[in-house]
Amino acid sequence: MASALRSSLRSVFRKVQIRTYAEAPAIKEGEMALTFAAGNKVFYDKQAVKQVDVPSFSGAFGILPKHVPTLAVLRPGVVTVLENDGKQNKIFVSSGTITVNDDSSVQVLAEEAHPLENLDRAAAQEALSKAQSEFNSAANEKAKAEAAIAVEVAEEIVKAASA
């Protein structure tokens, strides 16, 4: 009797536990789905936007719907998102990747990202001075390369905080 009950419960649970994929948000013509995340925060999760401007090592570029599929590496700088209501959202990124897919979806995955309004210019200037000092006193090539990266990021933070 107990085994018959267990068997019937299992069949009920199997029917209840059917896994499915989440519904994708409806993206209209002239829009694109943006996913923008960093280790510290998710800024957009498949949200429909009009345009994304990104800094990359191959040059800064704008992404619109129907953009050619692209892979690029983010350089330190400001990502600008033009939302559907016309609002511009500016976010500083330290590094990461950009993927533009043929279905007009875009993924921006940043190592670290912060809204411009959260940047402190004085703290950024202090970080730049410290990074430059470390660069000048680097004892070997590895330390010099690491310090050069810190200088580049700090310079871009100062520039972004001053804008």
C-alpha atoms as a PDB file:
ATOM      1  CA  MET A   1       0.000   0.000   0.000  1.00  0.00           C
ATOM      2  CA  ALA A   2       2.796   2.408   0.908  1.00  0.00           C
ATOM      3  CA  SER A   3       4.634   1.698  -2.351  1.00  0.00           C
ATOM      4  CA  ALA A   4       1.456   2.357  -4.370  1.00  0.00           C
ATOM      5  CA  LEU A   5       1.026   5.708  -2.587  1.00  0.00           C
ATOM      6  CA  ARG A   6       4.659   6.655  -3.235  1.00  0.00           C
ATOM      7  CA  SER A   7       4.302   5.713  -6.892  1.00  0.00           C
ATOM      8  CA  SER A   8       1.187   7.837  -7.374  1.00  0.00           C
ATOM      9  CA  LEU A   9       2.782  10.781  -5.528  1.00  0.00           C
ATOM     10  CA  ARG A  10       5.864  10.574  -7.763  1.00  0.00           C
ATOM     11  CA  SER A  11       3.729  10.770 -10.893  1.00  0.00           C
ATOM     12  CA  VAL A  12       1.926  13.819  -9.497  1.00  0.00           C
ATOM     13  CA  PHE A  13       5.229  15.512  -8.604  1.00  0.00           C
ATOM     14  CA  ARG A  14       6.678  14.774 -12.050  1.00  0.00           C
ATOM     15  CA  LYS A  15       3.740  16.566 -13.634  1.00  0.00           C
ATOM     16  CA  VAL A  16       4.149  19.529 -11.277  1.00  0.00           C
ATOM     17  CA  GLN A  17       7.931  19.749 -11.690  1.00  0.00           C
ATOM     18  CA  ILE A  18       7.994  20.312 -15.434  1.00  0.00           C
ATOM     19  CA  ARG A  19      10.705  22.840 -16.168  1.00  0.00           C
ATOM     20  CA  THR A  20      10.239  25.516 -18.786  1.00  0.00           C
ATOM     21  CA  TYR A  21      12.166  28.527 -20.049  1.00  0.00           C
ATOM     22  CA  ALA A  22      11.252  32.003 -18.884  1.00  0.00           C
ATOM     23  CA  GLU A  23       9.300  34.125 -21.296  1.00  0.00           C
ATOM     24  CA  ALA A  24      11.490  36.582 -23.156  1.00  0.00           C
ATOM     25  CA  PRO A  25      10.349  40.202 -22.938  1.00  0.00           C
ATOM     26  CA  ALA A  26       8.548  41.482 -26.010  1.00  0.00           C
ATOM     27  CA  ILE A  27      10.994  43.632 -27.971  1.00  0.00           C
ATOM     28  CA  LYS A  28       9.397  45.926 -30.530  1.00  0.00           C
ATOM     29  CA  GLU A  29      10.797  46.944 -33.902  1.00  0.00           C
ATOM     30  CA  GLY A  30      13.405  49.661 -33.464  1.00  0.00           C
ATOM     31  CA  GLU A  31      14.396  48.488 -29.981  1.00  0.00           C
ATOM     32  CA  MET A  32      17.025  46.155 -28.641  1.00  0.00           C
ATOM     33  CA  ALA A  33      17.259  44.077 -25.489  1.00  0.00           C
ATOM     34  CA  LEU A  34      20.130  45.193 -23.236  1.00  0.00           C
ATOM     35  CA  THR A  35      21.680  43.122 -20.494  1.00  0.00           C
ATOM     36  CA  PHE A  36      24.268  45.134 -18.596  1.00  0.00           C
ATOM     37  CA  ALA A  37      25.838  43.599 -15.528  1.00  0.00           C
ATOM     38  CA  ALA A  38      28.952  43.846 -13.411  1.00  0.00           C
ATOM     39  CA  GLY A  39      30.236  41.962 -10.405  1.00  0.00           C
ATOM     40  CA  ASN A  40      28.734  44.603  -8.134  1.00  0.00           C
ATOM     41  CA  LYS A  41      25.309  45.160  -9.785  1.00  0.00           C
ATOM     42  CA  VAL A  42      22.908  44.295 -12.609  1.00  0.00           C
ATOM     43  CA  PHE A  43      21.953  47.552 -14.326  1.00  0.00           C
ATOM     44  CA  TYR A  44      19.713  46.200 -17.117  1.00  0.00           C
ATOM     45  CA  ASP A  45      18.232  42.732 -17.534  1.00  0.00           C
ATOM     46  CA  LYS A  46      16.973  42.235 -21.099  1.00  0.00           C
ATOM     47  CA  GLN A  47      15.470  45.720 -21.014  1.00  0.00           C
ATOM     48  CA  ALA A  48      14.391  47.354 -24.262  1.00  0.00           C
ATOM     49  CA  VAL A  49      16.517  50.434 -25.074  1.00  0.00           C
ATOM     50  CA  LYS A  50      17.108  52.645 -28.107  1.00  0.00           C
ATOM     51  CA  GLN A  51      20.902  53.009 -28.131  1.00  0.00           C
ATOM     52  CA  VAL A  52      24.077  52.056 -26.250  1.00  0.00           C
ATOM     53  CA  ASP A  53      27.413  53.881 -26.648  1.00  0.00           C
ATOM     54  CA  VAL A  54      30.462  51.935 -25.455  1.00  0.00           C
ATOM     55  CA  PRO A  55      34.210  52.545 -25.117  1.00  0.00           C
ATOM     56  CA  SER A  56      36.257  49.705 -26.600  1.00  0.00           C
ATOM     57  CA  PHE A  57      39.895  49.055 -27.381  1.00  0.00           C
ATOM     58  CA  SER A  58      39.060  49.233 -31.092  1.00  0.00           C
ATOM     59  CA  GLY A  59      37.428  52.656 -30.551  1.00  0.00           C
ATOM     60  CA  ALA A  60      34.220  53.975 -29.030  1.00  0.00           C
ATOM     61  CA  PHE A  61      31.073  53.057 -30.946  1.00  0.00           C
ATOM     62  CA  GLY A  62      27.303  53.344 -30.779  1.00  0.00           C
ATOM     63  CA  ILE A  63      24.972  50.358 -30.956  1.00  0.00           C
ATOM     64  CA  LEU A  64      21.510  50.706 -32.476  1.00  0.00           C
ATOM     65  CA  PRO A  65      18.894  48.037 -33.270  1.00  0.00           C
ATOM     66  CA  LYS A  66      19.902  45.811 -36.194  1.00  0.00           C
ATOM     67  CA  HIS A  67      23.599  46.496 -35.495  1.00  0.00           C
ATOM     68  CA  VAL A  68      25.963  44.046 -37.137  1.00  0.00           C
ATOM     69  CA  PRO A  69      26.872  41.217 -34.700  1.00  0.00           C
ATOM     70  CA  THR A  70      30.008  42.238 -32.836  1.00  0.00           C
ATOM     71  CA  LEU A  71      32.341  41.157 -30.068  1.00  0.00           C
ATOM     72  CA  ALA A  72      34.528  43.789 -28.423  1.00  0.00           C
ATOM     73  CA  VAL A  73      36.575  44.377 -25.295  1.00  0.00           C
ATOM     74  CA  LEU A  74      35.594  47.298 -23.069  1.00  0.00           C
ATOM     75  CA  ARG A  75      38.256  49.780 -22.116  1.00  0.00           C
ATOM     76  CA  PRO A  76      37.910  52.027 -19.066  1.00  0.00           C
ATOM     77  CA  GLY A  77      35.339  54.714 -19.782  1.00  0.00           C
ATOM     78  CA  VAL A  78      31.672  55.631 -19.792  1.00  0.00           C
ATOM     79  CA  VAL A  79      28.882  53.493 -21.243  1.00  0.00           C
ATOM     80  CA  THR A  80      25.884  55.640 -22.198  1.00  0.00           C
ATOM     81  CA  VAL A  81      22.449  54.023 -22.453  1.00  0.00           C
ATOM     82  CA  LEU A  82      19.630  55.884 -24.196  1.00  0.00           C
ATOM     83  CA  GLU A  83      16.434  54.452 -22.750  1.00  0.00           C
ATOM     84  CA  ASN A  84      13.109  54.360 -24.610  1.00  0.00           C
ATOM     85  CA  ASP A  85      11.731  57.315 -22.620  1.00  0.00           C
ATOM     86  CA  GLY A  86      14.698  59.462 -23.753  1.00  0.00           C
ATOM     87  CA  LYS A  87      16.551  59.277 -20.421  1.00  0.00           C
ATOM     88  CA  GLN A  88      20.330  58.888 -20.674  1.00  0.00           C
ATOM     89  CA  ASN A  89      22.050  56.694 -18.121  1.00  0.00           C
ATOM     90  CA  LYS A  90      25.857  57.024 -17.878  1.00  0.00           C
ATOM     91  CA  ILE A  91      27.846  54.292 -16.150  1.00  0.00           C
ATOM     92  CA  PHE A  92      31.611  54.104 -15.688  1.00  0.00           C
ATOM     93  CA  VAL A  93      33.164  50.698 -16.507  1.00  0.00           C
ATOM     94  CA  SER A  94      36.688  49.536 -15.709  1.00  0.00           C
ATOM     95  CA  SER A  95      36.854  46.735 -18.310  1.00  0.00           C
ATOM     96  CA  GLY A  96      34.768  43.889 -19.709  1.00  0.00           C
ATOM     97  CA  THR A  97      33.153  42.671 -22.920  1.00  0.00           C
ATOM     98  CA  ILE A  98      30.413  43.712 -25.335  1.00  0.00           C
ATOM     99  CA  THR A  99      28.419  41.247 -27.397  1.00  0.00           C
ATOM    100  CA  VAL A 100      25.945  42.360 -30.068  1.00  0.00           C
ATOM    101  CA  ASN A 101      23.797  39.511 -31.396  1.00  0.00           C
ATOM    102  CA  ASP A 102      21.901  39.260 -34.686  1.00  0.00           C
ATOM    103  CA  ASP A 103      18.551  39.383 -32.816  1.00  0.00           C
ATOM    104  CA  SER A 104      19.320  42.969 -31.644  1.00  0.00           C
ATOM    105  CA  SER A 105      20.194  41.834 -28.137  1.00  0.00           C
ATOM    106  CA  VAL A 106      23.259  43.338 -26.483  1.00  0.00           C
ATOM    107  CA  GLN A 107      25.239  42.119 -23.488  1.00  0.00           C
ATOM    108  CA  VAL A 108      27.644  44.402 -21.658  1.00  0.00           C
ATOM    109  CA  LEU A 109      29.536  42.482 -18.991  1.00  0.00           C
ATOM    110  CA  ALA A 110      31.812  44.732 -16.958  1.00  0.00           C
ATOM    111  CA  GLU A 111      34.472  43.826 -14.439  1.00  0.00           C
ATOM    112  CA  GLU A 112      33.259  46.738 -12.327  1.00  0.00           C
ATOM    113  CA  ALA A 113      30.718  49.482 -13.065  1.00  0.00           C
ATOM    114  CA  HIS A 114      29.374  52.527 -11.224  1.00  0.00           C
ATOM    115  CA  PRO A 115      26.882  55.267 -12.182  1.00  0.00           C
ATOM    116  CA  LEU A 116      28.655  58.583 -12.810  1.00  0.00           C
ATOM    117  CA  GLU A 117      26.775  60.267  -9.975  1.00  0.00           C
ATOM    118  CA  ASN A 118      28.469  57.845  -7.540  1.00  0.00           C
ATOM    119  CA  LEU A 119      32.006  58.851  -8.566  1.00  0.00           C
ATOM    120  CA  ASP A 120      33.966  61.092  -6.200  1.00  0.00           C
ATOM    121  CA  ARG A 121      36.333  63.361  -8.137  1.00  0.00           C
ATOM    122  CA  ALA A 122      38.640  64.000  -5.163  1.00  0.00           C
ATOM    123  CA  ALA A 123      38.969  60.284  -4.391  1.00  0.00           C
ATOM    124  CA  ALA A 124      39.586  59.584  -8.093  1.00  0.00           C
ATOM    125  CA  GLN A 125      42.321  62.248  -8.205  1.00  0.00           C
ATOM    126  CA  GLU A 126      43.925  60.714  -5.107  1.00  0.00           C
ATOM    127  CA  ALA A 127      43.794  57.227  -6.684  1.00  0.00           C
ATOM    128  CA  LEU A 128      45.410  58.620  -9.842  1.00  0.00           C
ATOM    129  CA  SER A 129      48.254  60.194  -7.850  1.00  0.00           C
ATOM    130  CA  LYS A 130      48.835  56.928  -5.997  1.00  0.00           C
ATOM    131  CA  ALA A 131      48.787  54.895  -9.234  1.00  0.00           C
ATOM    132  CA  GLN A 132      51.255  57.287 -10.890  1.00  0.00           C
ATOM    133  CA  SER A 133      53.549  57.019  -7.872  1.00  0.00           C
ATOM    134  CA  GLU A 134      53.398  53.207  -8.022  1.00  0.00           C
ATOM    135  CA  PHE A 135      54.128  53.319 -11.754  1.00  0.00           C
ATOM    136  CA  ASN A 136      57.197  55.527 -11.228  1.00  0.00           C
ATOM    137  CA  SER A 137      58.559  53.300  -8.467  1.00  0.00           C
ATOM    138  CA  ALA A 138      57.764  49.932 -10.083  1.00  0.00           C
ATOM    139  CA  ALA A 139      60.631  47.493  -9.519  1.00  0.00           C
ATOM    140  CA  ASN A 140      59.944  45.101 -12.405  1.00  0.00           C
ATOM    141  CA  GLU A 141      58.011  44.823 -15.660  1.00  0.00           C
ATOM    142  CA  LYS A 142      55.034  43.066 -14.051  1.00  0.00           C
ATOM    143  CA  ALA A 143      54.640  45.757 -11.400  1.00  0.00           C
ATOM    144  CA  LYS A 144      55.048  48.451 -14.076  1.00  0.00           C
ATOM    145  CA  ALA A 145      52.321  46.849 -16.264  1.00  0.00           C
ATOM    146  CA  GLU A 146      49.921  46.557 -13.320  1.00  0.00           C
ATOM    147  CA  ALA A 147      50.582  50.161 -12.340  1.00  0.00           C
ATOM    148  CA  ALA A 148      50.046  51.312 -15.950  1.00  0.00           C
ATOM    149  CA  ILE A 149      46.608  49.691 -15.936  1.00  0.00           C
ATOM    150  CA  ALA A 150      45.789  51.376 -12.622  1.00  0.00           C
ATOM    151  CA  VAL A 151      46.899  54.736 -14.057  1.00  0.00           C
ATOM    152  CA  GLU A 152      44.728  54.271 -17.167  1.00  0.00           C
ATOM    153  CA  VAL A 153      41.643  53.376 -15.121  1.00  0.00           C
ATOM    154  CA  ALA A 154      42.222  56.223 -12.647  1.00  0.00           C
ATOM    155  CA  GLU A 155      42.660  58.752 -15.487  1.00  0.00           C
ATOM    156  CA  GLU A 156      39.346  57.672 -16.998  1.00  0.00           C
ATOM    157  CA  ILE A 157      37.594  57.854 -13.619  1.00  0.00           C
ATOM    158  CA  VAL A 158      38.882  61.416 -13.124  1.00  0.00           C
ATOM    159  CA  LYS A 159      37.712  62.320 -16.632  1.00  0.00           C
ATOM    160  CA  ALA A 160      34.272  60.763 -16.044  1.00  0.00           C
ATOM    161  CA  ALA A 161      33.875  62.374 -12.607  1.00  0.00           C
ATOM    162  CA  SER A 162      34.761  65.770 -14.095  1.00  0.00           C
ATOM    163  CA  ALA A 163      32.172  65.556 -16.875  1.00  0.00           C
END
